[in-house]
C-alpha atoms as a PDB file:
ATOM      1  CA  UNK A   1       0.099   0.006   0.016  1.00  0.00           C
ATOM      2  CA  UNK A   2       1.343   3.468  -0.945  1.00  0.00           C
ATOM      3  CA  UNK A   3       2.592   5.638   1.912  1.00  0.00           C
ATOM      4  CA  UNK A   4       3.402   9.309   1.734  1.00  0.00           C
ATOM      5  CA  UNK A   5       6.247  10.857   3.720  1.00  0.00           C
ATOM      6  CA  UNK A   6       8.680  13.660   4.243  1.00  0.00           C
ATOM      7  CA  UNK A   7      12.091  13.705   5.890  1.00  0.00           C
ATOM      8  CA  UNK A   8      13.016  16.533   8.332  1.00  0.00           C
ATOM      9  CA  UNK A   9      16.689  16.670   9.126  1.00  0.00           C
ATOM     10  CA  UNK A  10      19.261  19.664   9.060  1.00  0.00           C
ATOM     11  CA  UNK A  11      21.980  17.178   7.927  1.00  0.00           C
ATOM     12  CA  UNK A  12      21.980  16.794   4.120  1.00  0.00           C
ATOM     13  CA  UNK A  13      24.074  13.471   4.430  1.00  0.00           C
ATOM     14  CA  UNK A  14      21.481  11.988   6.720  1.00  0.00           C
ATOM     15  CA  UNK A  15      18.702  12.875   4.369  1.00  0.00           C
ATOM     16  CA  UNK A  16      20.363  11.275   1.435  1.00  0.00           C
ATOM     17  CA  UNK A  17      21.232   8.054   3.517  1.00  0.00           C
ATOM     18  CA  UNK A  18      17.550   7.900   4.636  1.00  0.00           C
ATOM     19  CA  UNK A  19      16.146   8.577   1.043  1.00  0.00           C
ATOM     20  CA  UNK A  20      18.412   5.851  -0.245  1.00  0.00           C
ATOM     21  CA  UNK A  21      17.132   3.266   2.285  1.00  0.00           C
ATOM     22  CA  UNK A  22      13.587   4.278   1.511  1.00  0.00           C
ATOM     23  CA  UNK A  23      14.130   3.875  -2.284  1.00  0.00           C
ATOM     24  CA  UNK A  24      15.904   0.670  -1.728  1.00  0.00           C
ATOM     25  CA  UNK A  25      13.719  -1.251   0.723  1.00  0.00           C
ATOM     26  CA  UNK A  26      10.492   0.616   0.721  1.00  0.00           C
ATOM     27  CA  UNK A  27       9.300   1.246  -2.851  1.00  0.00           C
ATOM     28  CA  UNK A  28       5.684   1.858  -1.612  1.00  0.00           C
ATOM     29  CA  UNK A  29       6.804   5.061   0.068  1.00  0.00           C
ATOM     30  CA  UNK A  30       6.459   8.222  -1.977  1.00  0.00           C
ATOM     31  CA  UNK A  31       8.840  10.951  -0.742  1.00  0.00           C
ATOM     32  CA  UNK A  32       6.768  14.167  -0.985  1.00  0.00           C
ATOM     33  CA  UNK A  33       9.734  16.392   0.104  1.00  0.00           C
ATOM     34  CA  UNK A  34      12.350  17.286   2.633  1.00  0.00           C
ATOM     35  CA  UNK A  35      13.129  20.056   4.970  1.00  0.00           C
ATOM     36  CA  UNK A  36      16.251  21.139   6.941  1.00  0.00           C
ATOM     37  CA  UNK A  37      14.398  23.023   9.763  1.00  0.00           C
ATOM     38  CA  UNK A  38      11.057  23.343  11.525  1.00  0.00           C
ATOM     39  CA  UNK A  39       9.812  26.284   9.605  1.00  0.00           C
ATOM     40  CA  UNK A  40      10.236  24.758   6.267  1.00  0.00           C
ATOM     41  CA  UNK A  41       8.896  21.521   7.505  1.00  0.00           C
ATOM     42  CA  UNK A  42       5.737  23.061   8.870  1.00  0.00           C
ATOM     43  CA  UNK A  43       4.984  24.605   5.563  1.00  0.00           C
ATOM     44  CA  UNK A  44       5.887  21.419   3.715  1.00  0.00           C
ATOM     45  CA  UNK A  45       3.371  19.397   5.972  1.00  0.00           C
ATOM     46  CA  UNK A  46       0.598  22.008   5.377  1.00  0.00           C
ATOM     47  CA  UNK A  47       1.136  21.984   1.555  1.00  0.00           C
ATOM     48  CA  UNK A  48       1.701  18.120   0.917  1.00  0.00           C
ATOM     49  CA  UNK A  49      -0.222  16.493   3.920  1.00  0.00           C
ATOM     50  CA  UNK A  50       2.082  13.603   4.427  1.00  0.00           C
ATOM     51  CA  UNK A  51       1.105  10.407   6.222  1.00  0.00           C
ATOM     52  CA  UNK A  52       4.477  10.055   7.884  1.00  0.00           C
ATOM     53  CA  UNK A  53       7.099  12.429   9.104  1.00  0.00           C
ATOM     54  CA  UNK A  54      10.661  11.235   9.765  1.00  0.00           C
ATOM     55  CA  UNK A  55      11.657  13.807  12.336  1.00  0.00           C
ATOM     56  CA  UNK A  56      15.098  14.641  13.486  1.00  0.00           C
ATOM     57  CA  UNK A  57      15.225  15.676  17.046  1.00  0.00           C
ATOM     58  CA  UNK A  58      18.601  17.775  17.224  1.00  0.00           C
ATOM     59  CA  UNK A  59      18.350  20.735  14.734  1.00  0.00           C
ATOM     60  CA  UNK A  60      19.429  24.282  14.907  1.00  0.00           C
ATOM     61  CA  UNK A  61      17.152  27.220  16.016  1.00  0.00           C
ATOM     62  CA  UNK A  62      14.204  24.845  17.049  1.00  0.00           C
ATOM     63  CA  UNK A  63      14.321  21.050  17.850  1.00  0.00           C
ATOM     64  CA  UNK A  64      12.130  18.665  16.072  1.00  0.00           C
ATOM     65  CA  UNK A  65       9.653  18.524  18.987  1.00  0.00           C
ATOM     66  CA  UNK A  66       8.852  22.142  18.119  1.00  0.00           C
ATOM     67  CA  UNK A  67       7.214  21.086  14.905  1.00  0.00           C
ATOM     68  CA  UNK A  68       4.706  18.813  16.819  1.00  0.00           C
ATOM     69  CA  UNK A  69       4.014  21.717  19.355  1.00  0.00           C
ATOM     70  CA  UNK A  70       2.401  23.678  16.535  1.00  0.00           C
ATOM     71  CA  UNK A  71      -0.523  21.309  16.284  1.00  0.00           C
ATOM     72  CA  UNK A  72      -3.387  20.649  18.605  1.00  0.00           C
ATOM     73  CA  UNK A  73      -4.063  17.362  16.993  1.00  0.00           C
ATOM     74  CA  UNK A  74      -0.853  16.065  15.078  1.00  0.00           C
ATOM     75  CA  UNK A  75      -1.981  15.048  11.550  1.00  0.00           C
ATOM     76  CA  UNK A  76       0.678  12.553  10.607  1.00  0.00           C
ATOM     77  CA  UNK A  77       2.430   9.567  12.017  1.00  0.00           C
ATOM     78  CA  UNK A  78       6.014  10.230  13.420  1.00  0.00           C
ATOM     79  CA  UNK A  79       9.223   8.314  13.376  1.00  0.00           C
ATOM     80  CA  UNK A  80      11.952  10.175  15.362  1.00  0.00           C
ATOM     81  CA  UNK A  81      15.500  10.114  14.182  1.00  0.00           C
ATOM     82  CA  UNK A  82      18.385  10.870  16.618  1.00  0.00           C
ATOM     83  CA  UNK A  83      21.865  10.757  17.458  1.00  0.00           C
ATOM     84  CA  UNK A  84      22.512   9.385  20.872  1.00  0.00           C
ATOM     85  CA  UNK A  85      20.491  11.582  23.265  1.00  0.00           C
ATOM     86  CA  UNK A  86      19.627   9.440  26.408  1.00  0.00           C
ATOM     87  CA  UNK A  87      17.141  12.244  27.798  1.00  0.00           C
ATOM     88  CA  UNK A  88      14.993  12.274  24.646  1.00  0.00           C
ATOM     89  CA  UNK A  89      15.157   8.522  23.990  1.00  0.00           C
ATOM     90  CA  UNK A  90      13.993   7.590  27.382  1.00  0.00           C
ATOM     91  CA  UNK A  91      11.000   9.934  26.870  1.00  0.00           C
ATOM     92  CA  UNK A  92      10.022   8.604  23.476  1.00  0.00           C
ATOM     93  CA  UNK A  93      10.345   4.861  24.787  1.00  0.00           C
ATOM     94  CA  UNK A  94       8.234   5.572  27.715  1.00  0.00           C
ATOM     95  CA  UNK A  95       5.647   7.192  25.461  1.00  0.00           C
ATOM     96  CA  UNK A  96       5.647   4.021  23.230  1.00  0.00           C
ATOM     97  CA  UNK A  97       6.920   5.819  20.185  1.00  0.00           C
ATOM     98  CA  UNK A  98       9.248   4.924  17.418  1.00  0.00           C
ATOM     99  CA  UNK A  99      12.749   6.208  16.954  1.00  0.00           C
ATOM    100  CA  UNK A 100      15.638   5.456  14.779  1.00  0.00           C
ATOM    101  CA  UNK A 101      19.264   5.932  15.947  1.00  0.00           C
ATOM    102  CA  UNK A 102      21.856   7.307  13.470  1.00  0.00           C
ATOM    103  CA  UNK A 103      23.258   5.730  11.440  1.00  0.00           C
ATOM    104  CA  UNK A 104      20.096   4.167  10.525  1.00  0.00           C
ATOM    105  CA  UNK A 105      20.014   0.284  10.500  1.00  0.00           C
ATOM    106  CA  UNK A 106      17.830  -1.196   7.954  1.00  0.00           C
ATOM    107  CA  UNK A 107      16.318  -3.898  10.519  1.00  0.00           C
ATOM    108  CA  UNK A 108      15.225  -1.004  12.666  1.00  0.00           C
ATOM    109  CA  UNK A 109      13.831   0.910   9.787  1.00  0.00           C
ATOM    110  CA  UNK A 110      11.599  -1.991   8.837  1.00  0.00           C
ATOM    111  CA  UNK A 111      10.304  -2.495  12.411  1.00  0.00           C
ATOM    112  CA  UNK A 112       9.300   1.238  12.844  1.00  0.00           C
ATOM    113  CA  UNK A 113       7.797   1.329   9.179  1.00  0.00           C
ATOM    114  CA  UNK A 114       5.771  -1.776  10.082  1.00  0.00           C
ATOM    115  CA  UNK A 115       4.294  -0.245  13.239  1.00  0.00           C
ATOM    116  CA  UNK A 116       3.794   3.238  11.586  1.00  0.00           C
ATOM    117  CA  UNK A 117       2.069   1.552   8.557  1.00  0.00           C
ATOM    118  CA  UNK A 118      -0.327  -0.240  10.921  1.00  0.00           C
ATOM    119  CA  UNK A 119      -1.222   3.006  12.606  1.00  0.00           C
ATOM    120  CA  UNK A 120      -1.778   4.842   9.311  1.00  0.00           C
ATOM    121  CA  UNK A 121      -3.935   1.780   8.077  1.00  0.00           C
ATOM    122  CA  UNK A 122      -6.125   2.006  11.173  1.00  0.00           C
ATOM    123  CA  UNK A 123      -6.089   5.805  10.895  1.00  0.00           C
ATOM    124  CA  UNK A 124      -5.279   5.547  14.738  1.00  0.00           C
ATOM    125  CA  UNK A 125      -2.529   8.154  15.102  1.00  0.00           C
ATOM    126  CA  UNK A 126      -0.778   8.364  18.301  1.00  0.00           C
ATOM    127  CA  UNK A 127      -1.546  11.737  19.619  1.00  0.00           C
ATOM    128  CA  UNK A 128      -1.980  10.620  23.283  1.00  0.00           C
ATOM    129  CA  UNK A 129       1.715   9.336  23.312  1.00  0.00           C
ATOM    130  CA  UNK A 130       2.761  12.396  21.538  1.00  0.00           C
ATOM    131  CA  UNK A 131       1.121  14.619  23.960  1.00  0.00           C
ATOM    132  CA  UNK A 132       2.630  12.735  26.819  1.00  0.00           C
ATOM    133  CA  UNK A 133       5.964  13.062  25.146  1.00  0.00           C
ATOM    134  CA  UNK A 134       5.673  16.836  24.576  1.00  0.00           C
ATOM    135  CA  UNK A 135       4.976  17.230  28.338  1.00  0.00           C
ATOM    136  CA  UNK A 136       8.264  15.622  29.191  1.00  0.00           C
ATOM    137  CA  UNK A 137      11.002  16.796  26.616  1.00  0.00           C
ATOM    138  CA  UNK A 138      12.026  20.329  28.290  1.00  0.00           C
ATOM    139  CA  UNK A 139      15.400  19.213  29.934  1.00  0.00           C
ATOM    140  CA  UNK A 140      15.014  21.774  32.744  1.00  0.00           C
ATOM    141  CA  UNK A 141      11.337  20.810  33.592  1.00  0.00           C
ATOM    142  CA  UNK A 142      11.418  18.812  36.803  1.00  0.00           C
ATOM    143  CA  UNK A 143       7.837  17.857  36.796  1.00  0.00           C
ATOM    144  CA  UNK A 144       7.117  15.021  34.218  1.00  0.00           C
ATOM    145  CA  UNK A 145       3.573  13.917  33.121  1.00  0.00           C
ATOM    146  CA  UNK A 146       2.433  10.256  33.394  1.00  0.00           C
ATOM    147  CA  UNK A 147      -0.420   9.551  30.981  1.00  0.00           C
ATOM    148  CA  UNK A 148      -3.130   7.517  32.677  1.00  0.00           C
ATOM    149  CA  UNK A 149      -5.892   5.968  30.299  1.00  0.00           C
ATOM    150  CA  UNK A 150      -9.321   6.045  31.648  1.00  0.00           C
ATOM    151  CA  UNK A 151     -11.885   4.819  29.163  1.00  0.00           C
ATOM    152  CA  UNK A 152     -12.122   7.547  26.390  1.00  0.00           C
ATOM    153  CA  UNK A 153      -9.923  10.014  28.420  1.00  0.00           C
ATOM    154  CA  UNK A 154      -6.320  10.383  29.261  1.00  0.00           C
ATOM    155  CA  UNK A 155      -5.459  11.800  32.609  1.00  0.00           C
ATOM    156  CA  UNK A 156      -2.011  13.495  32.909  1.00  0.00           C
ATOM    157  CA  UNK A 157      -0.527  13.186  36.426  1.00  0.00           C
ATOM    158  CA  UNK A 158       2.356  15.353  37.679  1.00  0.00           C
ATOM    159  CA  UNK A 159       5.270  13.224  38.655  1.00  0.00           C
ATOM    160  CA  UNK A 160       5.675  15.422  41.751  1.00  0.00           C
ATOM    161  CA  UNK A 161       2.284  14.024  42.999  1.00  0.00           C
ATOM    162  CA  UNK A 162       3.502  10.529  42.783  1.00  0.00           C
ATOM    163  CA  UNK A 163       4.582   9.052  46.127  1.00  0.00           C
ATOM    164  CA  UNK A 164       5.633   5.578  45.083  1.00  0.00           C
ATOM    165  CA  UNK A 165       5.876   3.353  42.142  1.00  0.00           C
ATOM    166  CA  UNK A 166       5.838  -0.383  42.782  1.00  0.00           C
ATOM    167  CA  UNK A 167       6.603  -3.195  40.185  1.00  0.00           C
ATOM    168  CA  UNK A 168       4.361  -6.311  39.649  1.00  0.00           C
ATOM    169  CA  UNK A 169       5.866  -8.147  36.760  1.00  0.00           C
ATOM    170  CA  UNK A 170       4.988  -6.174  33.521  1.00  0.00           C
ATOM    171  CA  UNK A 171       2.740  -3.705  35.446  1.00  0.00           C
ATOM    172  CA  UNK A 172       3.433  -0.895  37.751  1.00  0.00           C
ATOM    173  CA  UNK A 173       1.141   0.328  40.573  1.00  0.00           C
ATOM    174  CA  UNK A 174       1.227   4.211  41.041  1.00  0.00           C
ATOM    175  CA  UNK A 175       0.061   5.720  44.273  1.00  0.00           C
ATOM    176  CA  UNK A 176      -0.306   9.573  44.637  1.00  0.00           C
ATOM    177  CA  UNK A 177      -0.425  12.014  47.507  1.00  0.00           C
ATOM    178  CA  UNK A 178      -4.027  12.174  46.970  1.00  0.00           C
ATOM    179  CA  UNK A 179      -4.325   8.568  47.661  1.00  0.00           C
ATOM    180  CA  UNK A 180      -5.247   7.639  44.179  1.00  0.00           C
ATOM    181  CA  UNK A 181      -4.094   4.377  42.765  1.00  0.00           C
ATOM    182  CA  UNK A 182      -3.401   3.612  39.168  1.00  0.00           C
ATOM    183  CA  UNK A 183      -1.881   0.560  37.320  1.00  0.00           C
ATOM    184  CA  UNK A 184       0.150   0.813  34.091  1.00  0.00           C
ATOM    185  CA  UNK A 185       1.410  -1.787  31.626  1.00  0.00           C
ATOM    186  CA  UNK A 186       5.044  -0.780  32.117  1.00  0.00           C
ATOM    187  CA  UNK A 187       8.119  -2.224  33.763  1.00  0.00           C
ATOM    188  CA  UNK A 188       9.807  -0.520  36.721  1.00  0.00           C
ATOM    189  CA  UNK A 189      12.807   0.001  34.717  1.00  0.00           C
ATOM    190  CA  UNK A 190      10.617   2.136  32.321  1.00  0.00           C
ATOM    191  CA  UNK A 191       9.846   4.479  35.070  1.00  0.00           C
ATOM    192  CA  UNK A 192      13.415   4.479  36.293  1.00  0.00           C
ATOM    193  CA  UNK A 193      14.648   5.458  33.007  1.00  0.00           C
ATOM    194  CA  UNK A 194      11.866   8.008  32.308  1.00  0.00           C
ATOM    195  CA  UNK A 195      11.808   9.720  35.802  1.00  0.00           C
ATOM    196  CA  UNK A 196      15.365   9.295  36.917  1.00  0.00           C
ATOM    197  CA  UNK A 197      17.160  10.444  40.035  1.00  0.00           C
ATOM    198  CA  UNK A 198      17.215  13.716  38.653  1.00  0.00           C
ATOM    199  CA  UNK A 199      13.484  14.079  38.940  1.00  0.00           C
ATOM    200  CA  UNK A 200      13.337  13.084  42.707  1.00  0.00           C
ATOM    201  CA  UNK A 201      12.929   9.463  42.230  1.00  0.00           C
ATOM    202  CA  UNK A 202      15.183   6.989  43.829  1.00  0.00           C
ATOM    203  CA  UNK A 203      14.915   3.093  43.443  1.00  0.00           C
ATOM    204  CA  UNK A 204      15.140   1.411  46.987  1.00  0.00           C
ATOM    205  CA  UNK A 205      14.899  -2.169  45.898  1.00  0.00           C
ATOM    206  CA  UNK A 206      14.258  -4.275  42.868  1.00  0.00           C
ATOM    207  CA  UNK A 207      10.729  -3.402  42.471  1.00  0.00           C
ATOM    208  CA  UNK A 208      10.128   0.128  43.949  1.00  0.00           C
ATOM    209  CA  UNK A 209      10.654   3.641  43.226  1.00  0.00           C
ATOM    210  CA  UNK A 210      10.034   6.483  45.784  1.00  0.00           C
ATOM    211  CA  UNK A 211       9.621  10.110  45.485  1.00  0.00           C
ATOM    212  CA  UNK A 212      12.208  11.859  47.638  1.00  0.00           C
ATOM    213  CA  UNK A 213       9.887  14.894  48.109  1.00  0.00           C
ATOM    214  CA  UNK A 214       7.394  12.675  49.991  1.00  0.00           C
ATOM    215  CA  UNK A 215       9.822  10.938  52.329  1.00  0.00           C
ATOM    216  CA  UNK A 216       8.973  11.994  56.033  1.00  0.00           C
ATOM    217  CA  UNK A 217      11.044   9.774  58.145  1.00  0.00           C
ATOM    218  CA  UNK A 218      13.747   7.146  57.718  1.00  0.00           C
ATOM    219  CA  UNK A 219      15.543   4.654  60.257  1.00  0.00           C
ATOM    220  CA  UNK A 220      19.411   4.297  60.050  1.00  0.00           C
ATOM    221  CA  UNK A 221      19.478   0.917  61.526  1.00  0.00           C
ATOM    222  CA  UNK A 222      18.704  -2.493  60.186  1.00  0.00           C
ATOM    223  CA  UNK A 223      16.411  -2.914  58.401  1.00  0.00           C
ATOM    224  CA  UNK A 224      16.345   0.540  57.074  1.00  0.00           C
ATOM    225  CA  UNK A 225      12.564   1.703  56.927  1.00  0.00           C
ATOM    226  CA  UNK A 226      11.299   4.786  54.904  1.00  0.00           C
ATOM    227  CA  UNK A 227       8.027   6.454  55.756  1.00  0.00           C
ATOM    228  CA  UNK A 228       6.162   8.467  53.351  1.00  0.00           C
ATOM    229  CA  UNK A 229       3.659  11.471  53.439  1.00  0.00           C
ATOM    230  CA  UNK A 230       0.530   9.257  52.625  1.00  0.00           C
ATOM    231  CA  UNK A 231       1.319   6.715  55.597  1.00  0.00           C
ATOM    232  CA  UNK A 232       3.126   4.057  53.323  1.00  0.00           C
ATOM    233  CA  UNK A 233       6.271   2.488  54.638  1.00  0.00           C
ATOM    234  CA  UNK A 234       8.934   0.644  52.778  1.00  0.00           C
ATOM    235  CA  UNK A 235      12.031  -1.398  53.672  1.00  0.00           C
ATOM    236  CA  UNK A 236      15.180  -0.447  51.757  1.00  0.00           C
ATOM    237  CA  UNK A 237      17.185  -3.615  50.501  1.00  0.00           C
ATOM    238  CA  UNK A 238      20.619  -3.912  52.053  1.00  0.00           C
ATOM    239  CA  UNK A 239      22.235  -3.628  48.693  1.00  0.00           C
ATOM    240  CA  UNK A 240      20.655  -0.133  48.034  1.00  0.00           C
ATOM    241  CA  UNK A 241      20.862   1.013  51.676  1.00  0.00           C
ATOM    242  CA  UNK A 242      24.148   3.067  51.362  1.00  0.00           C
ATOM    243  CA  UNK A 243      22.983   4.803  48.109  1.00  0.00           C
ATOM    244  CA  UNK A 244      19.750   5.666  49.514  1.00  0.00           C
ATOM    245  CA  UNK A 245      21.063   7.084  52.672  1.00  0.00           C
ATOM    246  CA  UNK A 246      23.576   9.167  50.970  1.00  0.00           C
ATOM    247  CA  UNK A 247      20.759  10.627  48.633  1.00  0.00           C
ATOM    248  CA  UNK A 248      18.537  11.394  51.534  1.00  0.00           C
ATOM    249  CA  UNK A 249      21.383  13.227  53.410  1.00  0.00           C
ATOM    250  CA  UNK A 250      22.175  15.281  50.366  1.00  0.00           C
END
């Protein structure tokens, strides 16, 4: 089935490589144009209405996320393209979106194209995931959003309101300071990468992250017990005890 796409990347060499890969392995893709910056990309999208945008993240003047912020409802499917950027990659992965690392591998491109094609065919673009991502991509922003799906709505929870996150296999239970409880189909490692210690969360044992802002008391002996603002209490594993105590003291 025919797909229409554009490439947004400030590096001419990168655009040429991606165009060559698309021509060689995806003849069904009709490339409608390319842009080297967000301003030209926006004009191109408005004029050509592509189904898919290959969007570079790191670009001068305005990064790729700035293009998405121009829309209330994003009218195309997105595959992000990036050099190594741990911060952006963690946010993209947490939001269940596709990205390609430079230099692009054919295998990764095929997998991303397959998923994007399914979304296009289903007319089921990923605006919820993109909204969640855009709430999380300002490096100096300390409050990240967590998207909670509730029937036909999506509730965005401020990370600062989260007291604890406990892993249960491939799910996590989230408890807020308002005593709200949510269950998300994510691993505890997903949250650790997404929130990180720079966002006031620390892992106290294999299956639990705590928000440092909500810790009210802790014991220095064995076992090390932490008490939270909502009345919860947790035991710190021996392996993590020294790290946790140092973080609390600082």
